[in-house]
Structure formats: structure tokens, C-alpha cells
Amino acid sequence: MNDASPAEPKPPGPVPADDPGRALTHVSPDTDDSLPHLGVVGDTYTILVSGVDTAGRYTLIDMHVPPGGGPPPHRHDFEEVFTILDGEIELTFRGVSAVATAGETINVPANAPHVFRNVSERPARLLCLCSPAGQEEFFREVGVSVAHRTEAPPALDDAATGAFIAKAIALAPKYRTELLLGEPKP
């Protein structure tokens, strides 16, 4: 699943000056009460580092994905990297499926259709880096707050599921995302 398209190189220039207005970010997802833990599609996503922290360059999200969990097929106009910390994730990318296990990293190029799900019998834990930032704001808008990193979001009845899907579809373009609902697995 390698795509060797090189990025445009930046012209050489001086390194910008330090921005003393930016602070060091140091968090612990299991004990830091200031972190948002968000229930999204049955998973729980903890925003570790937001675009506010990185001047919009990237966001880092700790994902707790229960067995069978994961988002619907989608694509977005930003790079997405997953590092599997625990469990197994099956990723389908452009029609090819592969399983990634603890210690492995996956890069999903911008705009590529993909989907992932936890194929193991126990919860999976992933770090998800999106560049540039913005995906965390989508999760803030569509997710529901939960108390901690491993808490499952509340179960949704049919009406609540329909409302969630409608809200996600309506907000997705604002965050450079397209949900591929009703299409074959990418």
C-alpha cells in the first residue's frame, strides 16, 4: 500500500524565528481531565494535540476502537497517519485490504477512499495524525463527550443514528471530508 508520489520541495530559506506565543503541549490521555474524549461512530477519540496547539499544522488523536468498530468509508483532503498501539485494524485502501497490528504504521494519502475497522476480539488503540489539522474540529462537532479515553459512547437508537448521519454528512464538506455511504468498500 505504498504510494511514492513525492511532495513538492520547499525552496530553501531561513528557519523562521521562534514564536514565544506558542506553548509546549504535554498531555496524558488516561489522567488529563482537560482533554476532550469524544464518542464518534461507536469509537472514542481523545484529542491529544489540536490545531490550536500546532498553529494548524497537524492534530494528534488517540483512538479507542471496540471490536467491529471503525468509521464508514470516507475520503478527505488531508494526510492521515495511523500507528497501531494495540489490537488489529483492517484498512481497505483503493480496494485492497490489509491488517495492521501493534507497532505498525499506515499512511493514507489525501483524497484516497478508505475505511478501517477493528478485526480483533478486543479493543484496538491507534494514534491518528492528520495534517493539516481540522479533523479534530469535525469530531468535536459530531461527537458526544464521554468521561474518559476508553468509555464507550452511548448507544444510539434508529432516530439518533439517522440524526447523527445527517449531521455528519452536512458538516463533512466544511472539514474537507466526504462520507462514501452506500458505496462499495473502497
Protein backbone atom coordinates (compact mmCIF):
# COMPACT_ATOMS: atom_id res chain seq x y z
CA MET A 1 0.00 0.00 0.00
CA ASN A 2 2.82 2.41 -0.77
CA ASP A 3 2.20 5.50 -2.90
CA ALA A 4 5.53 7.03 -3.84
CA SER A 5 4.24 10.43 -5.03
CA PRO A 6 6.81 12.93 -3.77
CA ALA A 7 5.68 16.20 -2.23
CA GLU A 8 6.76 19.48 -3.79
CA PRO A 9 10.02 20.54 -2.12
CA LYS A 10 10.04 23.89 -0.32
CA PRO A 11 12.56 26.40 -1.57
CA PRO A 12 15.50 26.83 0.81
CA GLY A 13 15.27 29.72 3.20
CA PRO A 14 15.97 30.72 6.74
CA VAL A 15 14.26 28.94 9.60
CA PRO A 16 11.56 31.27 10.99
CA ALA A 17 12.06 32.84 14.39
CA ASP A 18 10.69 31.11 17.48
CA ASP A 19 7.10 32.03 18.31
CA PRO A 20 7.09 32.63 22.08
CA GLY A 21 3.30 32.76 21.98
CA ARG A 22 3.17 29.02 21.39
CA ALA A 23 3.48 26.66 24.35
CA LEU A 24 4.79 23.15 24.84
CA THR A 25 1.98 20.57 24.81
CA HIS A 26 2.40 17.75 27.35
CA VAL A 27 -0.64 15.54 28.00
CA SER A 28 -1.58 12.14 29.39
CA PRO A 29 -4.72 10.66 27.81
CA ASP A 30 -5.51 8.48 30.83
CA THR A 31 -5.22 11.16 33.52
CA ASP A 32 -5.52 14.62 31.93
CA ASP A 33 -9.02 15.89 32.67
CA SER A 34 -8.62 18.80 30.24
CA LEU A 35 -8.56 16.53 27.19
CA PRO A 36 -11.77 16.06 25.21
CA HIS A 37 -12.88 12.42 24.93
CA LEU A 38 -15.44 12.15 22.13
CA GLY A 39 -17.74 9.31 21.17
CA VAL A 40 -17.88 9.05 17.36
CA VAL A 41 -19.42 6.13 15.41
CA GLY A 42 -19.17 3.88 18.49
CA ASP A 43 -15.45 4.63 18.96
CA THR A 44 -13.89 7.01 21.49
CA TYR A 45 -11.45 9.63 20.20
CA THR A 46 -9.27 11.68 22.57
CA ILE A 47 -7.78 14.83 21.10
CA LEU A 48 -4.20 14.89 22.37
CA VAL A 49 -2.83 17.77 20.29
CA SER A 50 -5.13 20.11 18.39
CA GLY A 51 -4.59 22.52 15.53
CA VAL A 52 -4.65 25.32 18.10
CA ASP A 53 -1.56 23.71 19.68
CA THR A 54 0.28 23.31 16.34
CA ALA A 55 -0.67 26.51 14.50
CA GLY A 56 -2.85 24.34 12.26
CA ARG A 57 -0.04 22.10 11.08
CA TYR A 58 -1.44 18.83 12.42
CA THR A 59 -3.65 17.20 15.02
CA LEU A 60 -2.94 14.02 17.03
CA ILE A 61 -5.85 11.85 18.18
CA ASP A 62 -5.82 8.78 20.46
CA MET A 63 -8.45 6.36 19.10
CA HIS A 64 -10.09 3.62 21.18
CA VAL A 65 -11.88 1.33 18.71
CA PRO A 66 -14.00 -1.56 20.05
CA PRO A 67 -14.19 -4.92 18.25
CA GLY A 68 -16.01 -4.38 14.95
CA GLY A 69 -15.68 -0.59 15.33
CA GLY A 70 -14.40 2.00 12.91
CA PRO A 71 -15.79 4.74 10.67
CA PRO A 72 -17.78 4.32 7.45
CA PRO A 73 -15.99 4.56 4.09
CA HIS A 74 -14.75 8.09 3.52
CA ARG A 75 -12.07 10.28 2.00
CA HIS A 76 -10.65 13.67 2.89
CA ASP A 77 -8.33 16.35 1.59
CA PHE A 78 -5.58 15.89 4.18
CA GLU A 79 -2.96 13.29 5.02
CA GLU A 80 -3.81 10.75 7.74
CA VAL A 81 -1.32 8.50 9.54
CA PHE A 82 -2.26 5.69 11.94
CA THR A 83 0.12 3.97 14.33
CA ILE A 84 -1.43 0.89 15.90
CA LEU A 85 -0.60 0.70 19.61
CA ASP A 86 -2.75 -2.31 20.48
CA GLY A 87 -5.08 -4.69 18.64
CA GLU A 88 -5.61 -5.15 14.91
CA ILE A 89 -7.04 -2.80 12.33
CA GLU A 90 -8.09 -3.84 8.85
CA LEU A 91 -7.70 -0.96 6.42
CA THR A 92 -9.19 -1.04 2.96
CA PHE A 93 -7.50 1.41 0.63
CA ARG A 94 -8.39 1.68 -3.07
CA GLY A 95 -9.92 -1.78 -3.00
CA VAL A 96 -7.03 -3.55 -1.27
CA SER A 97 -7.37 -4.69 2.35
CA ALA A 98 -4.52 -5.24 4.77
CA VAL A 99 -4.35 -5.86 8.51
CA ALA A 100 -2.07 -3.72 10.64
CA THR A 101 -1.10 -4.81 14.15
CA ALA A 102 0.58 -3.20 17.16
CA GLY A 103 3.76 -1.39 16.21
CA GLU A 104 2.79 -0.85 12.57
CA THR A 105 2.10 2.49 10.88
CA ILE A 106 -0.18 3.26 7.93
CA ASN A 107 -0.19 6.46 5.86
CA VAL A 108 -3.39 7.27 3.95
CA PRO A 109 -2.72 9.82 1.18
CA ALA A 110 -5.04 12.81 0.90
CA ASN A 111 -8.23 12.26 -1.13
CA ALA A 112 -7.93 8.45 -1.25
CA PRO A 113 -11.09 6.48 -0.41
CA HIS A 114 -10.55 4.25 2.62
CA VAL A 115 -12.18 2.59 5.61
CA PHE A 116 -10.83 0.86 8.69
CA ARG A 117 -12.27 -1.44 11.30
CA ASN A 118 -11.12 -3.35 14.33
CA VAL A 119 -10.97 -7.00 13.30
CA SER A 120 -9.76 -8.33 16.65
CA GLU A 121 -11.75 -9.63 19.61
CA ARG A 122 -10.51 -6.86 21.89
CA PRO A 123 -10.37 -3.07 21.68
CA ALA A 124 -7.74 -1.53 19.43
CA ARG A 125 -5.80 1.62 20.22
CA LEU A 126 -4.41 3.85 17.50
CA LEU A 127 -2.69 7.18 17.27
CA CYS A 128 -4.06 9.17 14.34
CA LEU A 129 -2.16 12.14 12.97
CA CYS A 130 -3.91 14.39 10.44
CA SER A 131 -2.05 17.09 8.53
CA PRO A 132 -3.06 19.80 8.28
CA ALA A 133 -5.24 20.00 11.38
CA GLY A 134 -9.02 20.29 11.28
CA GLN A 135 -10.32 16.74 11.65
CA GLU A 136 -10.43 17.17 15.42
CA GLU A 137 -12.92 20.01 14.95
CA PHE A 138 -15.15 17.75 12.87
CA PHE A 139 -15.08 15.19 15.69
CA ARG A 140 -15.90 17.94 18.23
CA GLU A 141 -18.96 18.92 16.20
CA VAL A 142 -20.34 15.43 15.53
CA GLY A 143 -19.14 13.56 18.63
CA VAL A 144 -20.61 13.28 22.10
CA SER A 145 -18.50 13.96 25.17
CA VAL A 146 -17.59 10.93 27.31
CA ALA A 147 -15.73 10.80 30.62
CA HIS A 148 -12.50 9.01 29.70
CA ARG A 149 -10.43 7.54 26.87
CA THR A 150 -11.93 4.04 26.97
CA GLU A 151 -15.56 4.88 27.75
CA ALA A 152 -17.95 3.75 25.05
CA PRO A 153 -20.29 6.42 23.71
CA PRO A 154 -23.98 5.96 24.45
CA ALA A 155 -25.81 3.59 22.12
CA LEU A 156 -27.96 5.38 19.56
CA ASP A 157 -31.48 4.34 18.62
CA ASP A 158 -32.56 4.49 14.96
CA ALA A 159 -33.72 8.12 15.16
CA ALA A 160 -30.50 9.27 16.86
CA THR A 161 -28.41 7.32 14.34
CA GLY A 162 -30.25 8.98 11.47
CA ALA A 163 -29.72 12.42 13.05
CA PHE A 164 -26.00 11.68 13.56
CA ILE A 165 -25.56 10.59 9.93
CA ALA A 166 -27.43 13.65 8.64
CA LYS A 167 -25.30 15.97 10.81
CA ALA A 168 -22.04 14.27 9.74
CA ILE A 169 -22.99 14.48 6.05
CA ALA A 170 -23.92 18.15 6.40
CA LEU A 171 -20.70 19.07 8.24
CA ALA A 172 -18.26 16.90 6.27
CA PRO A 173 -17.60 19.40 3.43
CA LYS A 174 -16.70 22.11 5.97
CA TYR A 175 -13.86 19.82 7.11
CA ARG A 176 -12.73 18.71 3.61
CA THR A 177 -14.27 15.27 4.13
CA GLU A 178 -16.62 13.17 2.01
CA LEU A 179 -18.53 10.25 3.51
CA LEU A 180 -18.92 7.42 1.00
CA LEU A 181 -22.12 5.95 2.41
CA GLY A 182 -23.93 3.43 0.24
CA GLU A 183 -20.88 2.87 -1.98
CA PRO A 184 -18.91 -0.36 -2.15
CA LYS A 185 -15.97 -0.74 0.25
CA PRO A 186 -13.12 1.43 -1.12
